[in-house]
Amino acid sequence: MESRSTTELVEFRYPFLISARPNPLPAGRYRVHIEEEMLDGLSFPAWRRTSMTIAQQGLSSGRLLQAYSTTPTELAAVLAADGAVRP
């Protein structure tokens, strides 16, 4: 089965909550990583999302601090509440 992944950067101006973490995440730049797999047996290409994570990277080193699972609905809600921007 064919798969693909995409990454998007988002920047939060204010601390925010997601369901995978009990405490707020700090404001800053986050990487959203989406994994999808192609659905077989259709006459047109279609993809199913298999995972979506949001992660903050260390400011100076660029290393990953921690990734949290999220959903498109949850991410859209926290982005809208923050008025977040895509750099």
N, C-alpha and C. Protein backbone atom coordinates (compact mmCIF):
# COMPACT_ATOMS: atom_id res chain seq x y z
N MET A 1 0.85 -1.17 0.00
CA MET A 1 0.00 0.00 0.00
C MET A 1 0.89 1.24 0.00
N GLU A 2 0.60 2.15 -0.88
CA GLU A 2 1.37 3.38 -0.99
C GLU A 2 1.04 4.32 0.16
N SER A 3 2.05 5.03 0.66
CA SER A 3 1.81 6.00 1.73
C SER A 3 2.53 7.30 1.41
N ARG A 4 2.11 8.35 2.10
CA ARG A 4 2.77 9.65 1.94
C ARG A 4 2.73 10.39 3.26
N SER A 5 3.62 11.34 3.40
CA SER A 5 3.63 12.16 4.60
C SER A 5 3.83 13.61 4.19
N THR A 6 3.20 14.49 4.95
CA THR A 6 3.34 15.92 4.73
C THR A 6 3.64 16.59 6.06
N THR A 7 4.34 17.71 5.98
CA THR A 7 4.68 18.48 7.17
C THR A 7 4.33 19.93 6.92
N GLU A 8 3.77 20.56 7.94
CA GLU A 8 3.37 21.96 7.86
C GLU A 8 3.83 22.65 9.13
N LEU A 9 4.27 23.89 9.03
CA LEU A 9 4.63 24.65 10.21
C LEU A 9 3.48 25.58 10.59
N VAL A 10 3.21 25.67 11.89
CA VAL A 10 2.23 26.62 12.41
C VAL A 10 2.87 27.34 13.58
N GLU A 11 2.43 28.54 13.81
CA GLU A 11 2.98 29.33 14.91
C GLU A 11 1.85 29.83 15.79
N PHE A 12 1.93 29.51 17.08
CA PHE A 12 0.93 29.93 18.05
C PHE A 12 1.44 31.16 18.79
N ARG A 13 0.56 32.12 18.95
CA ARG A 13 0.92 33.34 19.68
C ARG A 13 0.68 33.20 21.18
N TYR A 14 -0.16 32.26 21.55
CA TYR A 14 -0.54 32.07 22.96
C TYR A 14 -0.42 30.60 23.33
N PRO A 15 -0.25 30.28 24.61
CA PRO A 15 -0.28 28.86 25.03
C PRO A 15 -1.63 28.25 24.64
N PHE A 16 -1.63 26.94 24.40
CA PHE A 16 -2.85 26.27 23.94
C PHE A 16 -2.93 24.86 24.50
N LEU A 17 -4.14 24.32 24.52
CA LEU A 17 -4.39 22.97 25.03
C LEU A 17 -4.76 22.03 23.90
N ILE A 18 -4.25 20.79 23.99
CA ILE A 18 -4.72 19.71 23.14
C ILE A 18 -5.05 18.53 24.05
N SER A 19 -5.90 17.65 23.58
CA SER A 19 -6.40 16.56 24.43
C SER A 19 -5.32 15.56 24.83
N ALA A 20 -4.24 15.45 24.06
CA ALA A 20 -3.19 14.47 24.36
C ALA A 20 -2.27 14.92 25.49
N ARG A 21 -2.49 16.12 26.02
CA ARG A 21 -1.61 16.65 27.06
C ARG A 21 -2.45 17.38 28.10
N PRO A 22 -2.20 17.12 29.40
CA PRO A 22 -3.03 17.74 30.43
C PRO A 22 -2.73 19.22 30.67
N ASN A 23 -1.52 19.66 30.34
CA ASN A 23 -1.12 21.05 30.57
C ASN A 23 -0.99 21.79 29.24
N PRO A 24 -1.12 23.11 29.26
CA PRO A 24 -0.99 23.88 28.02
C PRO A 24 0.41 23.75 27.41
N LEU A 25 0.46 23.77 26.10
CA LEU A 25 1.73 23.86 25.38
C LEU A 25 2.07 25.33 25.23
N PRO A 26 3.34 25.68 25.28
CA PRO A 26 3.71 27.10 25.18
C PRO A 26 3.53 27.64 23.76
N ALA A 27 3.41 28.95 23.68
CA ALA A 27 3.36 29.60 22.38
C ALA A 27 4.65 29.31 21.64
N GLY A 28 4.60 29.35 20.33
CA GLY A 28 5.80 29.11 19.54
C GLY A 28 5.49 28.45 18.23
N ARG A 29 6.55 28.02 17.56
CA ARG A 29 6.43 27.38 16.25
C ARG A 29 6.38 25.87 16.42
N TYR A 30 5.42 25.25 15.74
CA TYR A 30 5.21 23.80 15.83
C TYR A 30 5.18 23.19 14.44
N ARG A 31 5.58 21.94 14.38
CA ARG A 31 5.55 21.18 13.13
C ARG A 31 4.38 20.20 13.22
N VAL A 32 3.51 20.22 12.22
CA VAL A 32 2.38 19.28 12.13
C VAL A 32 2.76 18.24 11.08
N HIS A 33 2.78 16.98 11.49
CA HIS A 33 3.18 15.89 10.60
C HIS A 33 1.97 14.99 10.36
N ILE A 34 1.66 14.75 9.08
CA ILE A 34 0.49 13.95 8.71
C ILE A 34 0.95 12.75 7.89
N GLU A 35 0.52 11.57 8.30
CA GLU A 35 0.78 10.32 7.57
C GLU A 35 -0.54 9.86 6.94
N GLU A 36 -0.49 9.48 5.66
CA GLU A 36 -1.68 9.00 4.96
C GLU A 36 -1.33 7.76 4.14
N GLU A 37 -2.33 6.95 3.88
CA GLU A 37 -2.15 5.79 3.01
C GLU A 37 -3.20 5.83 1.92
N MET A 38 -2.80 5.34 0.73
CA MET A 38 -3.72 5.34 -0.41
C MET A 38 -4.74 4.22 -0.24
N LEU A 39 -5.97 4.52 -0.55
CA LEU A 39 -7.04 3.52 -0.52
C LEU A 39 -7.00 2.72 -1.82
N ASP A 40 -6.91 1.42 -1.71
CA ASP A 40 -6.86 0.56 -2.89
C ASP A 40 -8.27 0.25 -3.39
N GLY A 41 -8.35 -0.09 -4.67
CA GLY A 41 -9.60 -0.57 -5.23
C GLY A 41 -10.55 0.50 -5.73
N LEU A 42 -10.13 1.75 -5.73
CA LEU A 42 -10.99 2.82 -6.25
C LEU A 42 -10.53 3.21 -7.65
N SER A 43 -11.41 3.79 -8.43
CA SER A 43 -11.06 4.20 -9.79
C SER A 43 -10.40 5.58 -9.82
N PHE A 44 -10.18 6.17 -8.65
CA PHE A 44 -9.53 7.47 -8.54
C PHE A 44 -8.64 7.45 -7.29
N PRO A 45 -7.61 8.28 -7.24
CA PRO A 45 -6.74 8.28 -6.06
C PRO A 45 -7.45 8.90 -4.86
N ALA A 46 -7.39 8.21 -3.74
CA ALA A 46 -7.96 8.71 -2.50
C ALA A 46 -7.03 8.31 -1.35
N TRP A 47 -6.92 9.19 -0.37
CA TRP A 47 -6.00 8.97 0.74
C TRP A 47 -6.76 8.96 2.06
N ARG A 48 -6.29 8.15 2.99
CA ARG A 48 -6.86 8.08 4.34
C ARG A 48 -5.77 8.48 5.33
N ARG A 49 -6.11 9.41 6.20
CA ARG A 49 -5.16 9.85 7.22
C ARG A 49 -4.99 8.75 8.26
N THR A 50 -3.76 8.38 8.54
CA THR A 50 -3.50 7.35 9.54
C THR A 50 -2.96 7.93 10.84
N SER A 51 -2.31 9.09 10.77
CA SER A 51 -1.86 9.74 11.99
C SER A 51 -1.59 11.22 11.74
N MET A 52 -1.70 11.99 12.83
CA MET A 52 -1.40 13.41 12.78
C MET A 52 -0.78 13.78 14.12
N THR A 53 0.40 14.36 14.08
CA THR A 53 1.08 14.77 15.31
C THR A 53 1.48 16.23 15.22
N ILE A 54 1.61 16.83 16.40
CA ILE A 54 2.10 18.20 16.49
C ILE A 54 3.30 18.16 17.42
N ALA A 55 4.37 18.83 17.01
CA ALA A 55 5.62 18.77 17.77
C ALA A 55 6.29 20.13 17.78
N GLN A 56 6.90 20.44 18.92
CA GLN A 56 7.70 21.65 19.03
C GLN A 56 9.16 21.24 18.97
N GLN A 57 9.95 22.01 18.26
CA GLN A 57 11.37 21.72 18.18
C GLN A 57 12.14 22.68 19.07
N GLY A 58 13.28 22.21 19.57
CA GLY A 58 14.14 23.08 20.39
C GLY A 58 14.58 24.28 19.58
N LEU A 59 14.64 25.44 20.23
CA LEU A 59 14.94 26.67 19.51
C LEU A 59 16.35 26.69 18.94
N SER A 60 17.34 26.34 19.74
CA SER A 60 18.72 26.46 19.26
C SER A 60 19.21 25.20 18.55
N SER A 61 18.85 24.04 19.05
CA SER A 61 19.41 22.81 18.49
C SER A 61 18.60 22.27 17.32
N GLY A 62 17.31 22.61 17.23
CA GLY A 62 16.45 22.06 16.19
C GLY A 62 15.97 20.65 16.49
N ARG A 63 16.37 20.10 17.63
CA ARG A 63 15.97 18.73 17.98
C ARG A 63 14.52 18.71 18.44
N LEU A 64 13.88 17.58 18.23
CA LEU A 64 12.49 17.38 18.61
C LEU A 64 12.38 17.28 20.12
N LEU A 65 11.47 18.05 20.72
CA LEU A 65 11.25 17.97 22.16
C LEU A 65 10.24 16.87 22.48
N GLN A 66 9.06 16.93 21.90
CA GLN A 66 8.04 15.90 22.10
C GLN A 66 6.93 16.08 21.08
N ALA A 67 6.37 14.97 20.63
CA ALA A 67 5.28 15.00 19.65
C ALA A 67 4.01 14.49 20.33
N TYR A 68 2.87 15.10 19.97
CA TYR A 68 1.58 14.73 20.54
C TYR A 68 0.61 14.42 19.41
N SER A 69 -0.18 13.39 19.60
CA SER A 69 -1.20 13.03 18.63
C SER A 69 -2.35 14.04 18.68
N THR A 70 -2.90 14.37 17.52
CA THR A 70 -4.02 15.29 17.46
C THR A 70 -4.90 14.89 16.27
N THR A 71 -6.00 15.59 16.08
CA THR A 71 -6.90 15.34 14.97
C THR A 71 -7.04 16.64 14.15
N PRO A 72 -7.47 16.54 12.91
CA PRO A 72 -7.67 17.76 12.12
C PRO A 72 -8.68 18.71 12.76
N THR A 73 -9.73 18.17 13.35
CA THR A 73 -10.74 19.00 13.99
C THR A 73 -10.17 19.75 15.19
N GLU A 74 -9.43 19.03 16.03
CA GLU A 74 -8.82 19.65 17.20
C GLU A 74 -7.81 20.72 16.80
N LEU A 75 -6.97 20.41 15.82
CA LEU A 75 -5.97 21.37 15.38
C LEU A 75 -6.62 22.62 14.81
N ALA A 76 -7.65 22.45 14.00
CA ALA A 76 -8.35 23.61 13.43
C ALA A 76 -8.95 24.48 14.53
N ALA A 77 -9.48 23.85 15.58
CA ALA A 77 -10.09 24.61 16.68
C ALA A 77 -9.04 25.40 17.45
N VAL A 78 -7.90 24.81 17.76
CA VAL A 78 -6.89 25.56 18.52
C VAL A 78 -6.23 26.63 17.65
N LEU A 79 -6.08 26.38 16.36
CA LEU A 79 -5.55 27.42 15.47
C LEU A 79 -6.52 28.61 15.39
N ALA A 80 -7.80 28.32 15.27
CA ALA A 80 -8.79 29.39 15.19
C ALA A 80 -8.86 30.19 16.49
N ALA A 81 -8.82 29.50 17.62
CA ALA A 81 -8.89 30.18 18.92
C ALA A 81 -7.68 31.09 19.14
N ASP A 82 -6.54 30.69 18.63
CA ASP A 82 -5.31 31.45 18.81
C ASP A 82 -5.17 32.57 17.78
N GLY A 83 -5.83 32.43 16.66
CA GLY A 83 -5.58 33.34 15.56
C GLY A 83 -4.19 33.08 15.00
N ALA A 84 -3.76 31.82 15.09
CA ALA A 84 -2.41 31.41 14.72
C ALA A 84 -2.13 31.68 13.26
N VAL A 85 -0.84 31.76 12.94
CA VAL A 85 -0.42 32.03 11.58
C VAL A 85 0.45 30.91 11.07
N ARG A 86 0.47 30.74 9.76
CA ARG A 86 1.38 29.77 9.12
C ARG A 86 2.54 30.58 8.58
N PRO A 87 3.73 30.38 9.14
CA PRO A 87 4.89 31.20 8.71
C PRO A 87 5.26 30.96 7.27
